[in-house]
Each structure stands twice: as C-alpha cells, then as structure tokens.
Amino acid sequence: MSWMDKHKSVWRVAALILLLVSVLGPWTYTSDGVPPAEWCRDPYILLADGHCVSLVSGGRVFAFAAAVLPSMAAQLAAGGDVVAGRTREFLGVLLFVVLLLLLVQPLVSTLLLILRGDRRSLRVYNIVAWGIAAALSGVLLALLCPSGLSLRLWGLWLYLAVAVCALALELLLWGGRTSRKEQQSTQAGC
C-alpha cells in the first residue's frame, strides 16, 4: 500500500493521460452526412440494420456540448418563443450536456488533487467523480451495445476502464489511509 501512496501522483497523471487518449477515440456514431448503405465504404461503417454511419470521437462530442451550452443560455435569456416550440428537444440537449459535464469531473478532481495536494474533501470529490463517470460511461456503452458497434467504440471503452481502475485505486488508497490511522491510534493507546 505504501507504494501506491508514494506514487499516487504518477498513476493519477497516467489516468489523466489515458482519459485524454480515450477522448480522441470513437464514443458514438452519426448518420449525418454519410452515404446511403449501398455506397458505404471506409471510413464509414454499415450497421446490421442497413444504415451507414460515421464514428464520432469523444472530443467532437465534448466540443458539441461546449458549443451548445452558450447557445442554450442565450435561448433561455431571449425568452419564450425560441424555447417554447422546442421544449422537448431543448430538455434532451440540456440533459445530454449535464451528463457530459459529469464525465469531465474526474479530470477536474484529479487535477485538483495533483495540484493542491491530498485534502480529504478533494479525495472524496475525486472518488465520487470517478464513480459517477464509471457508471455513466457504462450506461452509455449499454445503450450503444444493441447497435453492434460497441467494440468499435474503443474510446468509450477506454474511458470506462480508466474510470473503473482509477476508482479502485482511489478506494484502495482511501482504505489504506483509514487502516493506518486506526493502527496508529490503537498503538498510541497501548
């Protein structure tokens, strides 16, 4: 356990690097701007249901969310007419953006731990952020599995693997600290 505690910054940086690599890989797909099924060739993929699709990287998904968020704020500030006619679409995009913001939280929490040190509140925030990220990325993969593309979405798989491993390491580190404190308190009491 002391090795993990001693090198926690190294594996946290490695987790961040792998997280960034995962964002470069494919997370989902789109059928916008792709040819019909009979002309579907590389770099496009033909799904089992006869639709031609293009893979979309996690970076493009996050860029979309970053572009949509100010637009949505402007629509809300502008008032009723823009949002009222498209409330369902607006709420769906808002939910999507909020979920993506939750997927960014491990990056923020881990950077804070590296830069600001191991404070208890930051460690709790980091554990919760990795847990939510692991759960959400697992749900995303479960939703995309029926499409037959789940194995091609290696970016999302990598994100899930990093989230689960980082969560496990953070929990082991947390448990190791707790047991060491208990041992120290019992030894001091003897």
N, C-alpha and C. Protein backbone atom coordinates (compact mmCIF):
# COMPACT_ATOMS: atom_id res chain seq x y z
N MET A 1 0.82 -1.19 0.00
CA MET A 1 0.00 0.00 0.00
C MET A 1 0.87 1.26 0.00
N SER A 2 2.03 1.20 0.64
CA SER A 2 2.88 2.39 0.70
C SER A 2 3.39 2.77 -0.69
N TRP A 3 3.58 1.76 -1.57
CA TRP A 3 4.00 2.08 -2.94
C TRP A 3 2.93 2.91 -3.63
N MET A 4 1.67 2.52 -3.47
CA MET A 4 0.57 3.27 -4.08
C MET A 4 0.52 4.69 -3.54
N ASP A 5 0.68 4.82 -2.24
CA ASP A 5 0.62 6.13 -1.62
C ASP A 5 1.80 7.00 -2.07
N LYS A 6 2.96 6.38 -2.19
CA LYS A 6 4.17 7.11 -2.58
C LYS A 6 4.09 7.59 -4.03
N HIS A 7 3.50 6.80 -4.90
CA HIS A 7 3.46 7.10 -6.34
C HIS A 7 2.07 7.51 -6.82
N LYS A 8 1.25 8.03 -5.94
CA LYS A 8 -0.13 8.36 -6.31
C LYS A 8 -0.18 9.44 -7.40
N SER A 9 0.73 10.38 -7.38
CA SER A 9 0.72 11.42 -8.42
C SER A 9 1.05 10.83 -9.78
N VAL A 10 1.94 9.84 -9.81
CA VAL A 10 2.32 9.22 -11.08
C VAL A 10 1.13 8.50 -11.70
N TRP A 11 0.42 7.68 -10.91
CA TRP A 11 -0.71 6.97 -11.51
C TRP A 11 -1.89 7.87 -11.76
N ARG A 12 -2.00 8.98 -11.02
CA ARG A 12 -3.06 9.94 -11.32
C ARG A 12 -2.79 10.65 -12.64
N VAL A 13 -1.53 11.00 -12.89
CA VAL A 13 -1.17 11.61 -14.18
C VAL A 13 -1.38 10.61 -15.31
N ALA A 14 -1.01 9.35 -15.07
CA ALA A 14 -1.23 8.31 -16.09
C ALA A 14 -2.72 8.16 -16.39
N ALA A 15 -3.56 8.22 -15.36
CA ALA A 15 -5.01 8.13 -15.57
C ALA A 15 -5.50 9.31 -16.40
N LEU A 16 -4.98 10.50 -16.13
CA LEU A 16 -5.38 11.67 -16.91
C LEU A 16 -4.96 11.55 -18.37
N ILE A 17 -3.76 11.04 -18.58
CA ILE A 17 -3.28 10.86 -19.96
C ILE A 17 -4.16 9.85 -20.69
N LEU A 18 -4.46 8.74 -20.04
CA LEU A 18 -5.33 7.74 -20.67
C LEU A 18 -6.74 8.28 -20.89
N LEU A 19 -7.19 9.13 -19.99
CA LEU A 19 -8.50 9.77 -20.15
C LEU A 19 -8.51 10.65 -21.40
N LEU A 20 -7.45 11.39 -21.61
CA LEU A 20 -7.35 12.24 -22.80
C LEU A 20 -7.23 11.41 -24.07
N VAL A 21 -6.51 10.30 -24.01
CA VAL A 21 -6.42 9.40 -25.16
C VAL A 21 -7.80 8.83 -25.49
N SER A 22 -8.56 8.50 -24.45
CA SER A 22 -9.89 7.94 -24.68
C SER A 22 -10.80 8.94 -25.38
N VAL A 23 -10.63 10.22 -25.10
CA VAL A 23 -11.45 11.26 -25.73
C VAL A 23 -11.12 11.37 -27.23
N LEU A 24 -9.93 10.98 -27.62
CA LEU A 24 -9.56 11.01 -29.04
C LEU A 24 -10.21 9.87 -29.81
N GLY A 25 -10.58 8.81 -29.13
CA GLY A 25 -11.18 7.65 -29.78
C GLY A 25 -12.67 7.80 -29.97
N PRO A 26 -13.26 6.87 -30.73
CA PRO A 26 -14.71 6.94 -31.01
C PRO A 26 -15.56 6.62 -29.78
N TRP A 27 -16.59 7.45 -29.59
CA TRP A 27 -17.52 7.29 -28.47
C TRP A 27 -18.92 6.96 -28.95
N THR A 28 -19.26 7.40 -30.12
CA THR A 28 -20.61 7.17 -30.64
C THR A 28 -20.55 7.21 -32.16
N TYR A 29 -21.71 7.29 -32.78
CA TYR A 29 -21.77 7.34 -34.24
C TYR A 29 -22.88 8.28 -34.68
N THR A 30 -22.81 8.68 -35.93
CA THR A 30 -23.85 9.53 -36.50
C THR A 30 -24.12 9.08 -37.93
N SER A 31 -25.33 9.31 -38.37
CA SER A 31 -25.66 9.01 -39.77
C SER A 31 -25.79 10.30 -40.57
N ASP A 32 -25.44 11.42 -39.96
CA ASP A 32 -25.46 12.71 -40.67
C ASP A 32 -24.30 12.80 -41.65
N GLY A 33 -24.58 13.13 -42.88
CA GLY A 33 -23.55 13.36 -43.88
C GLY A 33 -22.85 12.12 -44.37
N VAL A 34 -23.46 10.96 -44.24
CA VAL A 34 -22.85 9.73 -44.73
C VAL A 34 -23.61 9.24 -45.95
N PRO A 35 -22.95 8.45 -46.79
CA PRO A 35 -23.62 7.98 -48.00
C PRO A 35 -24.68 6.92 -47.69
N PRO A 36 -25.52 6.61 -48.65
CA PRO A 36 -26.51 5.54 -48.45
C PRO A 36 -25.81 4.19 -48.27
N ALA A 37 -26.57 3.23 -47.77
CA ALA A 37 -26.00 1.92 -47.42
C ALA A 37 -25.26 1.26 -48.58
N GLU A 38 -25.77 1.41 -49.79
CA GLU A 38 -25.12 0.73 -50.93
C GLU A 38 -23.75 1.32 -51.28
N TRP A 39 -23.43 2.51 -50.82
CA TRP A 39 -22.13 3.15 -51.08
C TRP A 39 -21.28 3.25 -49.81
N CYS A 40 -21.62 2.51 -48.82
CA CYS A 40 -20.94 2.59 -47.52
C CYS A 40 -19.57 1.91 -47.61
N ARG A 41 -18.52 2.69 -47.53
CA ARG A 41 -17.13 2.21 -47.57
C ARG A 41 -16.35 2.90 -46.44
N ASP A 42 -15.13 2.46 -46.22
CA ASP A 42 -14.27 3.12 -45.22
C ASP A 42 -14.21 4.60 -45.49
N PRO A 43 -14.26 5.42 -44.51
CA PRO A 43 -14.20 5.26 -43.06
C PRO A 43 -15.57 5.05 -42.43
N TYR A 44 -16.60 4.83 -43.24
CA TYR A 44 -17.95 4.62 -42.71
C TYR A 44 -18.17 3.16 -42.39
N ILE A 45 -19.19 2.91 -41.56
CA ILE A 45 -19.48 1.55 -41.11
C ILE A 45 -20.94 1.26 -41.41
N LEU A 46 -21.17 0.07 -41.96
CA LEU A 46 -22.54 -0.36 -42.25
C LEU A 46 -23.07 -1.15 -41.06
N LEU A 47 -24.14 -0.66 -40.45
CA LEU A 47 -24.75 -1.35 -39.32
C LEU A 47 -25.58 -2.53 -39.82
N ALA A 48 -25.92 -3.42 -38.92
CA ALA A 48 -26.70 -4.61 -39.26
C ALA A 48 -28.07 -4.24 -39.80
N ASP A 49 -28.62 -3.09 -39.39
CA ASP A 49 -29.95 -2.71 -39.86
C ASP A 49 -29.91 -1.98 -41.21
N GLY A 50 -28.74 -1.95 -41.86
CA GLY A 50 -28.62 -1.37 -43.19
C GLY A 50 -28.36 0.12 -43.22
N HIS A 51 -27.98 0.72 -42.11
CA HIS A 51 -27.66 2.14 -42.08
C HIS A 51 -26.15 2.33 -42.10
N CYS A 52 -25.72 3.28 -42.87
CA CYS A 52 -24.32 3.65 -42.93
C CYS A 52 -24.08 4.76 -41.91
N VAL A 53 -23.03 4.61 -41.09
CA VAL A 53 -22.76 5.59 -40.04
C VAL A 53 -21.28 5.96 -40.03
N SER A 54 -21.01 7.07 -39.38
CA SER A 54 -19.65 7.55 -39.17
C SER A 54 -19.36 7.57 -37.68
N LEU A 55 -18.18 7.14 -37.28
CA LEU A 55 -17.82 7.16 -35.87
C LEU A 55 -17.50 8.59 -35.44
N VAL A 56 -17.84 8.93 -34.21
CA VAL A 56 -17.64 10.27 -33.67
C VAL A 56 -16.76 10.16 -32.43
N SER A 57 -15.69 10.93 -32.39
CA SER A 57 -14.78 10.89 -31.25
C SER A 57 -15.39 11.57 -30.04
N GLY A 58 -14.87 11.23 -28.88
CA GLY A 58 -15.31 11.87 -27.65
C GLY A 58 -15.02 13.37 -27.68
N GLY A 59 -13.92 13.73 -28.32
CA GLY A 59 -13.57 15.15 -28.45
C GLY A 59 -14.64 15.94 -29.20
N ARG A 60 -15.16 15.34 -30.27
CA ARG A 60 -16.23 16.01 -31.01
C ARG A 60 -17.51 16.10 -30.20
N VAL A 61 -17.77 15.09 -29.39
CA VAL A 61 -18.96 15.11 -28.53
C VAL A 61 -18.83 16.23 -27.50
N PHE A 62 -17.66 16.34 -26.88
CA PHE A 62 -17.44 17.40 -25.88
C PHE A 62 -17.42 18.77 -26.54
N ALA A 63 -16.87 18.87 -27.74
CA ALA A 63 -16.88 20.15 -28.47
C ALA A 63 -18.31 20.58 -28.78
N PHE A 64 -19.15 19.61 -29.15
CA PHE A 64 -20.56 19.91 -29.39
C PHE A 64 -21.21 20.47 -28.14
N ALA A 65 -20.95 19.81 -27.00
CA ALA A 65 -21.53 20.27 -25.74
C ALA A 65 -21.04 21.66 -25.38
N ALA A 66 -19.76 21.93 -25.61
CA ALA A 66 -19.21 23.25 -25.30
C ALA A 66 -19.81 24.32 -26.19
N ALA A 67 -20.15 23.97 -27.43
CA ALA A 67 -20.75 24.95 -28.35
C ALA A 67 -22.24 25.15 -28.05
N VAL A 68 -22.90 24.09 -27.62
CA VAL A 68 -24.34 24.16 -27.38
C VAL A 68 -24.68 24.90 -26.09
N LEU A 69 -23.84 24.78 -25.08
CA LEU A 69 -24.14 25.37 -23.78
C LEU A 69 -24.36 26.88 -23.85
N PRO A 70 -23.47 27.67 -24.48
CA PRO A 70 -23.75 29.12 -24.59
C PRO A 70 -24.99 29.42 -25.43
N SER A 71 -25.21 28.62 -26.46
CA SER A 71 -26.39 28.81 -27.30
C SER A 71 -27.66 28.58 -26.49
N MET A 72 -27.66 27.56 -25.66
CA MET A 72 -28.83 27.28 -24.83
C MET A 72 -29.06 28.39 -23.82
N ALA A 73 -27.99 28.91 -23.25
CA ALA A 73 -28.12 30.01 -22.29
C ALA A 73 -28.70 31.24 -22.98
N ALA A 74 -28.25 31.51 -24.21
CA ALA A 74 -28.78 32.65 -24.96
C ALA A 74 -30.25 32.45 -25.29
N GLN A 75 -30.65 31.23 -25.62
CA GLN A 75 -32.06 30.94 -25.91
C GLN A 75 -32.92 31.17 -24.67
N LEU A 76 -32.42 30.74 -23.52
CA LEU A 76 -33.17 30.95 -22.29
C LEU A 76 -33.29 32.43 -21.96
N ALA A 77 -32.19 33.17 -22.18
CA ALA A 77 -32.20 34.60 -21.89
C ALA A 77 -33.11 35.35 -22.85
N ALA A 78 -33.21 34.87 -24.10
CA ALA A 78 -34.02 35.54 -25.11
C ALA A 78 -35.51 35.41 -24.79
N GLY A 79 -35.89 34.33 -24.14
CA GLY A 79 -37.30 34.21 -23.77
C GLY A 79 -38.01 33.10 -24.49
N GLY A 80 -39.34 33.15 -24.36
CA GLY A 80 -40.24 32.07 -24.69
C GLY A 80 -40.28 31.53 -26.08
N ASP A 81 -40.26 32.34 -27.12
CA ASP A 81 -40.54 31.84 -28.46
C ASP A 81 -39.54 30.80 -28.95
N VAL A 82 -38.28 31.02 -28.68
CA VAL A 82 -37.26 30.10 -29.20
C VAL A 82 -37.36 28.75 -28.49
N VAL A 83 -37.52 28.76 -27.18
CA VAL A 83 -37.52 27.53 -26.42
C VAL A 83 -38.90 26.86 -26.41
N ALA A 84 -39.95 27.65 -26.37
CA ALA A 84 -41.29 27.10 -26.19
C ALA A 84 -41.67 26.09 -27.27
N GLY A 85 -41.32 26.34 -28.51
CA GLY A 85 -41.69 25.43 -29.58
C GLY A 85 -40.88 24.16 -29.59
N ARG A 86 -39.74 24.17 -28.93
CA ARG A 86 -38.84 23.02 -28.97
C ARG A 86 -38.43 22.59 -27.56
N THR A 87 -39.36 22.61 -26.64
CA THR A 87 -39.06 22.31 -25.24
C THR A 87 -38.49 20.92 -25.07
N ARG A 88 -39.08 19.94 -25.71
CA ARG A 88 -38.61 18.55 -25.57
C ARG A 88 -37.17 18.41 -26.08
N GLU A 89 -36.90 18.98 -27.24
CA GLU A 89 -35.54 18.93 -27.79
C GLU A 89 -34.57 19.67 -26.88
N PHE A 90 -34.98 20.82 -26.38
CA PHE A 90 -34.14 21.63 -25.51
C PHE A 90 -33.79 20.86 -24.23
N LEU A 91 -34.79 20.23 -23.61
CA LEU A 91 -34.55 19.48 -22.38
C LEU A 91 -33.66 18.26 -22.63
N GLY A 92 -33.82 17.63 -23.78
CA GLY A 92 -32.97 16.49 -24.12
C GLY A 92 -31.52 16.90 -24.29
N VAL A 93 -31.29 18.01 -24.98
CA VAL A 93 -29.92 18.50 -25.16
C VAL A 93 -29.35 18.96 -23.83
N LEU A 94 -30.18 19.61 -23.00
CA LEU A 94 -29.72 20.05 -21.68
C LEU A 94 -29.30 18.86 -20.82
N LEU A 95 -30.08 17.81 -20.81
CA LEU A 95 -29.73 16.60 -20.07
C LEU A 95 -28.42 16.01 -20.60
N PHE A 96 -28.27 15.96 -21.92
CA PHE A 96 -27.06 15.44 -22.55
C PHE A 96 -25.84 16.25 -22.11
N VAL A 97 -25.94 17.57 -22.11
CA VAL A 97 -24.83 18.43 -21.73
C VAL A 97 -24.48 18.25 -20.25
N VAL A 98 -25.48 18.12 -19.41
CA VAL A 98 -25.24 17.91 -17.97
C VAL A 98 -24.52 16.58 -17.75
N LEU A 99 -24.93 15.54 -18.46
CA LEU A 99 -24.26 14.25 -18.34
C LEU A 99 -22.81 14.33 -18.80
N LEU A 100 -22.56 15.07 -19.88
CA LEU A 100 -21.18 15.24 -20.34
C LEU A 100 -20.35 16.02 -19.32
N LEU A 101 -20.96 17.00 -18.68
CA LEU A 101 -20.24 17.73 -17.63
C LEU A 101 -19.86 16.80 -16.47
N LEU A 102 -20.70 15.84 -16.18
CA LEU A 102 -20.37 14.87 -15.14
C LEU A 102 -19.20 13.97 -15.58
N LEU A 103 -19.09 13.70 -16.87
CA LEU A 103 -17.98 12.90 -17.37
C LEU A 103 -16.64 13.66 -17.35
N VAL A 104 -16.70 14.98 -17.26
CA VAL A 104 -15.49 15.79 -17.20
C VAL A 104 -14.98 15.93 -15.76
N GLN A 105 -15.84 15.68 -14.79
CA GLN A 105 -15.49 15.89 -13.38
C GLN A 105 -14.25 15.12 -12.91
N PRO A 106 -14.01 13.88 -13.35
CA PRO A 106 -12.78 13.20 -12.90
C PRO A 106 -11.51 13.94 -13.34
N LEU A 107 -11.56 14.55 -14.50
CA LEU A 107 -10.41 15.34 -14.96
C LEU A 107 -10.17 16.49 -14.00
N VAL A 108 -11.23 17.19 -13.64
CA VAL A 108 -11.12 18.34 -12.73
C VAL A 108 -10.67 17.89 -11.35
N SER A 109 -11.31 16.86 -10.80
CA SER A 109 -11.00 16.42 -9.44
C SER A 109 -9.57 15.88 -9.33
N THR A 110 -9.13 15.13 -10.34
CA THR A 110 -7.78 14.58 -10.29
C THR A 110 -6.74 15.68 -10.45
N LEU A 111 -7.01 16.64 -11.33
CA LEU A 111 -6.08 17.78 -11.45
C LEU A 111 -5.98 18.55 -10.14
N LEU A 112 -7.11 18.75 -9.48
CA LEU A 112 -7.08 19.44 -8.19
C LEU A 112 -6.28 18.66 -7.15
N LEU A 113 -6.41 17.34 -7.13
CA LEU A 113 -5.64 16.53 -6.19
C LEU A 113 -4.14 16.62 -6.47
N ILE A 114 -3.79 16.63 -7.74
CA ILE A 114 -2.37 16.71 -8.11
C ILE A 114 -1.80 18.08 -7.76
N LEU A 115 -2.56 19.13 -8.07
CA LEU A 115 -2.05 20.50 -7.90
C LEU A 115 -2.17 21.02 -6.47
N ARG A 116 -3.23 20.65 -5.77
CA ARG A 116 -3.49 21.22 -4.44
C ARG A 116 -3.15 20.29 -3.29
N GLY A 117 -2.81 19.07 -3.59
CA GLY A 117 -2.47 18.14 -2.52
C GLY A 117 -3.65 17.30 -2.08
N ASP A 118 -3.35 16.34 -1.24
CA ASP A 118 -4.34 15.36 -0.79
C ASP A 118 -5.15 15.87 0.39
N ARG A 119 -6.13 16.65 0.11
CA ARG A 119 -7.07 17.07 1.15
C ARG A 119 -8.22 16.08 1.18
N ARG A 120 -8.77 15.89 2.35
CA ARG A 120 -9.85 14.91 2.50
C ARG A 120 -11.04 15.24 1.60
N SER A 121 -11.44 16.50 1.55
CA SER A 121 -12.60 16.88 0.73
C SER A 121 -12.33 16.65 -0.75
N LEU A 122 -11.10 16.90 -1.19
CA LEU A 122 -10.76 16.65 -2.60
C LEU A 122 -10.74 15.15 -2.91
N ARG A 123 -10.27 14.35 -1.95
CA ARG A 123 -10.27 12.90 -2.18
C ARG A 123 -11.69 12.36 -2.29
N VAL A 124 -12.60 12.85 -1.44
CA VAL A 124 -14.00 12.42 -1.51
C VAL A 124 -14.60 12.85 -2.85
N TYR A 125 -14.36 14.10 -3.25
CA TYR A 125 -14.85 14.60 -4.54
C TYR A 125 -14.32 13.74 -5.68
N ASN A 126 -13.05 13.37 -5.60
CA ASN A 126 -12.43 12.56 -6.65
C ASN A 126 -13.06 11.17 -6.72
N ILE A 127 -13.29 10.56 -5.58
CA ILE A 127 -13.90 9.22 -5.56
C ILE A 127 -15.32 9.28 -6.14
N VAL A 128 -16.08 10.29 -5.73
CA VAL A 128 -17.45 10.43 -6.24
C VAL A 128 -17.43 10.70 -7.75
N ALA A 129 -16.52 11.56 -8.20
CA ALA A 129 -16.43 11.89 -9.63
C ALA A 129 -16.09 10.66 -10.46
N TRP A 130 -15.11 9.87 -10.01
CA TRP A 130 -14.75 8.65 -10.75
C TRP A 130 -15.90 7.64 -10.72
N GLY A 131 -16.60 7.54 -9.60
CA GLY A 131 -17.73 6.61 -9.51
C GLY A 131 -18.85 6.98 -10.47
N ILE A 132 -19.19 8.26 -10.51
CA ILE A 132 -20.24 8.72 -11.42
C ILE A 132 -19.80 8.53 -12.87
N ALA A 133 -18.54 8.84 -13.15
CA ALA A 133 -18.02 8.68 -14.52
C ALA A 133 -18.05 7.22 -14.96
N ALA A 134 -17.68 6.31 -14.07
CA ALA A 134 -17.71 4.89 -14.41
C ALA A 134 -19.14 4.44 -14.67
N ALA A 135 -20.06 4.87 -13.83
CA ALA A 135 -21.46 4.47 -14.01
C ALA A 135 -22.04 5.03 -15.31
N LEU A 136 -21.81 6.31 -15.57
CA LEU A 136 -22.36 6.92 -16.78
C LEU A 136 -21.77 6.33 -18.06
N SER A 137 -20.47 6.11 -18.06
CA SER A 137 -19.87 5.53 -19.27
C SER A 137 -20.35 4.10 -19.47
N GLY A 138 -20.59 3.38 -18.39
CA GLY A 138 -21.16 2.03 -18.50
C GLY A 138 -22.56 2.06 -19.07
N VAL A 139 -23.36 3.04 -18.64
CA VAL A 139 -24.72 3.19 -19.17
C VAL A 139 -24.66 3.55 -20.65
N LEU A 140 -23.75 4.45 -21.03
CA LEU A 140 -23.61 4.80 -22.45
C LEU A 140 -23.27 3.58 -23.29
N LEU A 141 -22.35 2.77 -22.82
CA LEU A 141 -21.99 1.56 -23.56
C LEU A 141 -23.17 0.59 -23.64
N ALA A 142 -23.91 0.46 -22.56
CA ALA A 142 -25.07 -0.44 -22.57
C ALA A 142 -26.11 0.03 -23.57
N LEU A 143 -26.28 1.34 -23.69
CA LEU A 143 -27.25 1.88 -24.65
C LEU A 143 -26.79 1.69 -26.09
N LEU A 144 -25.48 1.68 -26.31
CA LEU A 144 -24.95 1.56 -27.67
C LEU A 144 -24.71 0.11 -28.09
N CYS A 145 -24.75 -0.83 -27.16
CA CYS A 145 -24.47 -2.23 -27.49
C CYS A 145 -25.41 -2.83 -28.52
N PRO A 146 -26.72 -2.54 -28.49
CA PRO A 146 -27.58 -3.15 -29.49
C PRO A 146 -27.23 -2.76 -30.92
N SER A 147 -26.47 -1.69 -31.09
CA SER A 147 -26.15 -1.23 -32.44
C SER A 147 -25.09 -2.10 -33.11
N GLY A 148 -24.43 -2.96 -32.37
CA GLY A 148 -23.38 -3.79 -32.95
C GLY A 148 -22.07 -3.04 -33.08
N LEU A 149 -22.00 -1.84 -32.58
CA LEU A 149 -20.79 -1.03 -32.68
C LEU A 149 -19.97 -0.97 -31.41
N SER A 150 -20.43 -1.59 -30.36
CA SER A 150 -19.81 -1.38 -29.05
C SER A 150 -18.31 -1.66 -29.05
N LEU A 151 -17.86 -2.67 -29.77
CA LEU A 151 -16.42 -2.97 -29.79
C LEU A 151 -15.62 -1.94 -30.59
N ARG A 152 -16.25 -1.29 -31.52
CA ARG A 152 -15.56 -0.26 -32.31
C ARG A 152 -15.46 1.06 -31.56
N LEU A 153 -16.20 1.20 -30.49
CA LEU A 153 -16.18 2.43 -29.70
C LEU A 153 -15.11 2.33 -28.62
N TRP A 154 -13.86 2.12 -29.06
CA TRP A 154 -12.78 1.87 -28.13
C TRP A 154 -12.50 3.07 -27.22
N GLY A 155 -12.79 4.28 -27.66
CA GLY A 155 -12.58 5.44 -26.82
C GLY A 155 -13.45 5.41 -25.58
N LEU A 156 -14.70 5.05 -25.75
CA LEU A 156 -15.62 4.95 -24.62
C LEU A 156 -15.25 3.77 -23.73
N TRP A 157 -14.84 2.65 -24.33
CA TRP A 157 -14.38 1.50 -23.54
C TRP A 157 -13.15 1.88 -22.71
N LEU A 158 -12.21 2.60 -23.31
CA LEU A 158 -11.01 3.02 -22.59
C LEU A 158 -11.39 3.96 -21.45
N TYR A 159 -12.32 4.88 -21.71
CA TYR A 159 -12.77 5.80 -20.66
C TYR A 159 -13.34 4.99 -19.49
N LEU A 160 -14.19 4.02 -19.78
CA LEU A 160 -14.79 3.19 -18.74
C LEU A 160 -13.71 2.43 -17.96
N ALA A 161 -12.75 1.84 -18.66
CA ALA A 161 -11.68 1.09 -17.99
C ALA A 161 -10.85 2.00 -17.08
N VAL A 162 -10.52 3.19 -17.57
CA VAL A 162 -9.74 4.14 -16.76
C VAL A 162 -10.55 4.56 -15.54
N ALA A 163 -11.83 4.84 -15.73
CA ALA A 163 -12.68 5.26 -14.61
C ALA A 163 -12.77 4.18 -13.55
N VAL A 164 -12.97 2.94 -13.96
CA VAL A 164 -13.09 1.84 -13.00
C VAL A 164 -11.76 1.62 -12.27
N CYS A 165 -10.66 1.62 -13.01
CA CYS A 165 -9.35 1.42 -12.39
C CYS A 165 -8.98 2.57 -11.45
N ALA A 166 -9.22 3.79 -11.88
CA ALA A 166 -8.92 4.94 -11.02
C ALA A 166 -9.78 4.93 -9.77
N LEU A 167 -11.05 4.57 -9.91
CA LEU A 167 -11.93 4.47 -8.75
C LEU A 167 -11.41 3.40 -7.78
N ALA A 168 -11.01 2.26 -8.32
CA ALA A 168 -10.49 1.19 -7.47
C ALA A 168 -9.21 1.64 -6.75
N LEU A 169 -8.31 2.29 -7.47
CA LEU A 169 -7.07 2.76 -6.84
C LEU A 169 -7.34 3.81 -5.77
N GLU A 170 -8.24 4.73 -6.06
CA GLU A 170 -8.57 5.76 -5.06
C GLU A 170 -9.21 5.14 -3.83
N LEU A 171 -10.08 4.15 -4.02
CA LEU A 171 -10.70 3.49 -2.88
C LEU A 171 -9.68 2.69 -2.07
N LEU A 172 -8.74 2.02 -2.75
CA LEU A 172 -7.67 1.31 -2.05
C LEU A 172 -6.80 2.28 -1.26
N LEU A 173 -6.48 3.39 -1.86
CA LEU A 173 -5.68 4.41 -1.19
C LEU A 173 -6.44 4.95 0.02
N TRP A 174 -7.73 5.20 -0.14
CA TRP A 174 -8.57 5.68 0.97
C TRP A 174 -8.61 4.64 2.09
N GLY A 175 -8.83 3.39 1.73
CA GLY A 175 -8.87 2.32 2.73
C GLY A 175 -7.54 2.11 3.42
N GLY A 176 -6.45 2.24 2.70
CA GLY A 176 -5.12 2.11 3.30
C GLY A 176 -4.85 3.20 4.31
N ARG A 177 -5.27 4.40 4.01
CA ARG A 177 -5.08 5.51 4.96
C ARG A 177 -5.92 5.31 6.20
N THR A 178 -7.14 4.85 6.01
CA THR A 178 -8.04 4.64 7.15
C THR A 178 -7.48 3.57 8.08
N SER A 179 -7.00 2.45 7.50
CA SER A 179 -6.48 1.37 8.34
C SER A 179 -5.18 1.78 9.03
N ARG A 180 -4.33 2.58 8.37
CA ARG A 180 -3.10 3.06 9.02
C ARG A 180 -3.42 3.98 10.18
N LYS A 181 -4.44 4.85 10.02
CA LYS A 181 -4.82 5.75 11.11
C LYS A 181 -5.36 4.96 12.29
N GLU A 182 -6.13 3.89 12.01
CA GLU A 182 -6.66 3.07 13.08
C GLU A 182 -5.52 2.34 13.82
N GLN A 183 -4.54 1.84 13.06
CA GLN A 183 -3.40 1.16 13.67
C GLN A 183 -2.61 2.13 14.54
N GLN A 184 -2.40 3.34 14.05
CA GLN A 184 -1.65 4.34 14.82
C GLN A 184 -2.38 4.71 16.09
N SER A 185 -3.70 4.83 16.01
CA SER A 185 -4.47 5.21 17.20
C SER A 185 -4.49 4.08 18.23
N THR A 186 -4.54 2.81 17.80
CA THR A 186 -4.50 1.70 18.74
C THR A 186 -3.12 1.53 19.35
N GLN A 187 -2.07 1.78 18.57
CA GLN A 187 -0.71 1.71 19.11
C GLN A 187 -0.46 2.84 20.10
N ALA A 188 -1.01 4.00 19.85
CA ALA A 188 -0.83 5.14 20.76
C ALA A 188 -1.58 4.90 22.06
N GLY A 189 -2.68 4.16 21.99
CA GLY A 189 -3.49 3.88 23.16
C GLY A 189 -2.89 2.82 24.06
N CYS A 190 -1.98 1.99 23.55
CA CYS A 190 -1.39 0.88 24.35
C CYS A 190 -0.43 1.35 25.37
